[in-house]
Amino acid sequence: MCIDVEGHELPILRAFPFERVRPAITIFEAWHMDDATRATLRDVLDPKGLQLFFLGEDGYAVDRDDFVRTGLLRELEEYPPVISRILASP
C-alpha cells in the first residue's frame, strides 16, 4: 500500500485498520518528519505488530513477523549510499 497524503501520514496510519487489512508493505513519504514525529509513528505502529524503517525520503511499515522483508529493509537501512543510488536510478 502506498500512502501519499502530503504531510498527513500520522493520522492516516494511526486510523488505518491494520488488524483487518494487512498490506505486505506500506510506503509513505517521510522526508518532512522530524525525529519526534517518527518516534510517535513507531509508538503507534509497534502495538499493531509493524516494524518501521526509513530509507531515503520514504518510510516503510512491515509486519514484524515478515522476516524476508524486515531483513531486506534492515540491510538497506545500514547502507544509505546504496539505497540512495537505487532510488535515484531511472
C-alpha atoms as a PDB file:
ATOM      1  CA  MET A   1       0.000   0.000   0.000  1.00  0.00           C
ATOM      2  CA  CYS A   2       1.309   3.440  -0.865  1.00  0.00           C
ATOM      3  CA  ILE A   3       0.189   6.500   1.077  1.00  0.00           C
ATOM      4  CA  ASP A   4       0.717   9.960  -0.425  1.00  0.00           C
ATOM      5  CA  VAL A   5      -1.237  12.443   1.684  1.00  0.00           C
ATOM      6  CA  GLU A   6       1.103  15.431   1.744  1.00  0.00           C
ATOM      7  CA  GLY A   7       2.074  15.512   5.406  1.00  0.00           C
ATOM      8  CA  HIS A   8      -0.953  13.759   6.925  1.00  0.00           C
ATOM      9  CA  GLU A   9       0.640  10.330   7.235  1.00  0.00           C
ATOM     10  CA  LEU A  10       0.469  10.098  11.024  1.00  0.00           C
ATOM     11  CA  PRO A  11      -3.338  10.429  11.380  1.00  0.00           C
ATOM     12  CA  ILE A  12      -3.911   8.123   8.397  1.00  0.00           C
ATOM     13  CA  LEU A  13      -1.582   5.419   9.728  1.00  0.00           C
ATOM     14  CA  ARG A  14      -2.987   5.822  13.238  1.00  0.00           C
ATOM     15  CA  ALA A  15      -6.554   5.236  11.963  1.00  0.00           C
ATOM     16  CA  PHE A  16      -5.841   2.520   9.390  1.00  0.00           C
ATOM     17  CA  PRO A  17      -7.316  -0.875  10.437  1.00  0.00           C
ATOM     18  CA  PHE A  18      -4.125  -2.945  10.216  1.00  0.00           C
ATOM     19  CA  GLU A  19      -5.887  -5.584  12.357  1.00  0.00           C
ATOM     20  CA  ARG A  20      -8.328  -6.265   9.482  1.00  0.00           C
ATOM     21  CA  VAL A  21      -6.291  -5.303   6.409  1.00  0.00           C
ATOM     22  CA  ARG A  22      -2.638  -6.300   6.388  1.00  0.00           C
ATOM     23  CA  PRO A  23      -0.654  -4.904   3.431  1.00  0.00           C
ATOM     24  CA  ALA A  24       2.614  -6.728   2.769  1.00  0.00           C
ATOM     25  CA  ILE A  25       4.355  -3.355   2.917  1.00  0.00           C
ATOM     26  CA  THR A  26       3.156   0.201   3.472  1.00  0.00           C
ATOM     27  CA  ILE A  27       5.195   3.004   1.912  1.00  0.00           C
ATOM     28  CA  PHE A  28       4.772   6.677   2.767  1.00  0.00           C
ATOM     29  CA  GLU A  29       6.627   9.972   2.405  1.00  0.00           C
ATOM     30  CA  ALA A  30       8.762  10.741   5.436  1.00  0.00           C
ATOM     31  CA  TRP A  31      11.143  13.475   4.269  1.00  0.00           C
ATOM     32  CA  HIS A  32       9.185  16.096   6.234  1.00  0.00           C
ATOM     33  CA  MET A  33       9.021  14.132   9.509  1.00  0.00           C
ATOM     34  CA  ASP A  34      11.166  15.238  12.415  1.00  0.00           C
ATOM     35  CA  ASP A  35      12.551  12.784  14.979  1.00  0.00           C
ATOM     36  CA  ALA A  36       9.619  13.333  17.361  1.00  0.00           C
ATOM     37  CA  THR A  37       7.055  12.509  14.652  1.00  0.00           C
ATOM     38  CA  ARG A  38       8.999   9.411  13.636  1.00  0.00           C
ATOM     39  CA  ALA A  39       9.123   8.278  17.277  1.00  0.00           C
ATOM     40  CA  THR A  40       5.366   8.841  17.637  1.00  0.00           C
ATOM     41  CA  LEU A  41       4.768   6.844  14.482  1.00  0.00           C
ATOM     42  CA  ARG A  42       6.855   3.984  15.878  1.00  0.00           C
ATOM     43  CA  ASP A  43       4.786   4.116  19.081  1.00  0.00           C
ATOM     44  CA  VAL A  44       1.572   3.956  17.026  1.00  0.00           C
ATOM     45  CA  LEU A  45       2.633   1.123  14.702  1.00  0.00           C
ATOM     46  CA  ASP A  46       4.520  -1.074  17.170  1.00  0.00           C
ATOM     47  CA  PRO A  47       1.385  -2.292  19.029  1.00  0.00           C
ATOM     48  CA  LYS A  48      -0.106  -3.128  15.626  1.00  0.00           C
ATOM     49  CA  GLY A  49       2.788  -5.540  15.026  1.00  0.00           C
ATOM     50  CA  LEU A  50       4.519  -3.372  12.442  1.00  0.00           C
ATOM     51  CA  GLN A  51       8.197  -2.538  12.192  1.00  0.00           C
ATOM     52  CA  LEU A  52       9.148   0.831  10.788  1.00  0.00           C
ATOM     53  CA  PHE A  53      12.087   1.665   8.529  1.00  0.00           C
ATOM     54  CA  PHE A  54      13.218   4.945   6.987  1.00  0.00           C
ATOM     55  CA  LEU A  55      15.159   4.815   3.717  1.00  0.00           C
ATOM     56  CA  GLY A  56      15.908   7.913   1.722  1.00  0.00           C
ATOM     57  CA  GLU A  57      12.855  10.167   1.809  1.00  0.00           C
ATOM     58  CA  ASP A  58      10.351   7.392   2.491  1.00  0.00           C
ATOM     59  CA  GLY A  59       9.101   5.333   5.394  1.00  0.00           C
ATOM     60  CA  TYR A  60       8.224   1.637   5.218  1.00  0.00           C
ATOM     61  CA  ALA A  61       5.968  -0.274   7.605  1.00  0.00           C
ATOM     62  CA  VAL A  62       6.230  -4.066   7.501  1.00  0.00           C
ATOM     63  CA  ASP A  63       4.758  -6.844   9.626  1.00  0.00           C
ATOM     64  CA  ARG A  64       7.486  -7.582  12.170  1.00  0.00           C
ATOM     65  CA  ASP A  65       6.979 -11.327  11.593  1.00  0.00           C
ATOM     66  CA  ASP A  66       7.761 -10.975   7.871  1.00  0.00           C
ATOM     67  CA  PHE A  67      11.406 -11.934   8.206  1.00  0.00           C
ATOM     68  CA  VAL A  68      12.178 -11.610   4.499  1.00  0.00           C
ATOM     69  CA  ARG A  69      11.012  -8.004   4.140  1.00  0.00           C
ATOM     70  CA  THR A  70      12.243  -6.853   7.553  1.00  0.00           C
ATOM     71  CA  GLY A  71      15.609  -8.459   6.869  1.00  0.00           C
ATOM     72  CA  LEU A  72      15.921  -6.763   3.485  1.00  0.00           C
ATOM     73  CA  LEU A  73      14.899  -3.358   4.831  1.00  0.00           C
ATOM     74  CA  ARG A  74      17.236  -3.734   7.802  1.00  0.00           C
ATOM     75  CA  GLU A  75      20.114  -4.446   5.409  1.00  0.00           C
ATOM     76  CA  LEU A  76      19.231  -1.479   3.200  1.00  0.00           C
ATOM     77  CA  GLU A  77      18.937   0.787   6.240  1.00  0.00           C
ATOM     78  CA  GLU A  78      22.570   0.032   7.060  1.00  0.00           C
ATOM     79  CA  TYR A  79      23.764   1.112   3.614  1.00  0.00           C
ATOM     80  CA  PRO A  80      22.213   4.531   2.865  1.00  0.00           C
ATOM     81  CA  PRO A  81      24.510   5.327  -0.098  1.00  0.00           C
ATOM     82  CA  VAL A  82      23.361   2.141  -1.855  1.00  0.00           C
ATOM     83  CA  ILE A  83      19.658   2.836  -1.392  1.00  0.00           C
ATOM     84  CA  SER A  84      20.160   6.457  -2.486  1.00  0.00           C
ATOM     85  CA  ARG A  85      21.700   5.258  -5.746  1.00  0.00           C
ATOM     86  CA  ILE A  86      18.913   2.716  -6.274  1.00  0.00           C
ATOM     87  CA  LEU A  87      16.213   5.308  -5.660  1.00  0.00           C
ATOM     88  CA  ALA A  88      17.948   7.844  -7.924  1.00  0.00           C
ATOM     89  CA  SER A  89      18.343   5.473 -10.880  1.00  0.00           C
ATOM     90  CA  PRO A  90      15.836   5.799 -13.745  1.00  0.00           C
END
